[in-house]
Structure formats: C-alpha cells, structure tokens
Amino acid sequence: MDDDQFNFNIRKYLKKVGITSQPGIENAVRSAIDKKSMRGDENLDVKITLSIDALNFSVEINGEISLS
C-alpha cells in the first residue's frame, strides 16, 4: 500500500463530503428561517455517519454548527 496516496485519497473523499453537504445544509437552514421555524441564531447539533461496508467500519461524528 502506498501510504501517501492512500492518505491523499482519504482527504480527497472527505473534501468531497464537505463540498457536497455544505450547500444542502445552507439551503435547509435558509428555508427554515424563511418558514419562520428557526430564528437564525440557533446552534444546530449535527451528526454524520461514515461507513465502509467492505471493512465493516462505521464511525459517527457529532458536532455543532452555530448560526451566529
């Protein structure tokens, strides 16, 4: 295994996750604010689950996104 290439490919995938999910989160928050179901100053609890079926691997990553 080429450790450098492996590390690069992991980082490339994780960047894709961030780039793909950010617009969805932004749109959902803006929509909730427009519908008055959120004020826009909340802290949102977030969770992402990453799994690799071939390795029987799963990790849950929890965090928080502040809107102000």
Protein backbone atom coordinates (compact mmCIF):
# COMPACT_ATOMS: atom_id res chain seq x y z
CA MET A 1 0.00 0.00 0.00
CA ASP A 2 1.21 3.48 -0.84
CA ASP A 3 0.58 5.40 2.41
CA ASP A 4 0.95 8.82 0.82
CA GLN A 5 -1.51 8.02 -1.98
CA PHE A 6 -3.90 6.37 0.48
CA ASN A 7 -3.82 9.46 2.72
CA PHE A 8 -4.35 11.73 -0.29
CA ASN A 9 -7.36 9.69 -1.43
CA ILE A 10 -8.94 9.76 2.04
CA ARG A 11 -8.55 13.54 2.20
CA LYS A 12 -9.94 13.88 -1.34
CA TYR A 13 -13.04 11.90 -0.34
CA LEU A 14 -13.56 13.87 2.87
CA LYS A 15 -13.26 17.14 0.93
CA LYS A 16 -15.98 15.86 -1.43
CA VAL A 17 -18.20 15.13 1.60
CA GLY A 18 -17.77 18.71 2.83
CA ILE A 19 -18.28 20.31 -0.55
CA THR A 20 -21.38 18.21 -1.23
CA SER A 21 -23.04 18.64 2.16
CA GLN A 22 -22.44 22.36 2.72
CA PRO A 23 -24.93 23.67 0.13
CA GLY A 24 -27.59 21.27 1.40
CA ILE A 25 -27.15 22.47 4.97
CA GLU A 26 -27.17 26.12 3.89
CA ASN A 27 -30.36 25.65 1.84
CA ALA A 28 -32.13 23.78 4.64
CA VAL A 29 -31.26 26.49 7.18
CA ARG A 30 -32.33 29.32 4.86
CA SER A 31 -35.58 27.52 4.12
CA ALA A 32 -36.30 27.00 7.83
CA ILE A 33 -35.61 30.69 8.53
CA ASP A 34 -37.88 31.73 5.63
CA LYS A 35 -40.66 29.50 7.00
CA LYS A 36 -40.15 31.02 10.45
CA SER A 37 -39.40 27.63 12.01
CA MET A 38 -35.96 28.96 13.00
CA ARG A 39 -34.86 32.42 14.12
CA GLY A 40 -31.36 32.22 12.67
CA ASP A 41 -29.38 32.48 15.89
CA GLU A 42 -29.57 28.84 16.96
CA ASN A 43 -26.84 26.28 17.50
CA LEU A 44 -27.56 23.15 15.50
CA ASP A 45 -26.50 19.72 16.72
CA VAL A 46 -25.15 17.80 13.75
CA LYS A 47 -24.19 14.20 13.16
CA ILE A 48 -22.64 12.40 10.24
CA THR A 49 -22.18 8.66 9.96
CA LEU A 50 -19.36 7.40 7.76
CA SER A 51 -19.32 3.75 6.84
CA ILE A 52 -17.22 1.45 4.69
CA ASP A 53 -19.15 -1.75 4.08
CA ALA A 54 -16.17 -3.74 2.81
CA LEU A 55 -14.38 -3.13 6.12
CA ASN A 56 -17.42 -3.44 8.38
CA PHE A 57 -16.41 0.03 9.61
CA SER A 58 -18.66 2.79 10.85
CA VAL A 59 -17.95 5.98 12.76
CA GLU A 60 -20.38 8.63 13.96
CA ILE A 61 -19.10 12.19 14.18
CA ASN A 62 -21.07 14.65 16.28
CA GLY A 63 -20.69 18.39 16.34
CA GLU A 64 -22.42 21.72 16.42
CA ILE A 65 -22.98 24.47 13.86
CA SER A 66 -23.64 27.93 15.24
CA LEU A 67 -25.76 30.22 13.09
CA SER A 68 -24.47 33.40 14.69
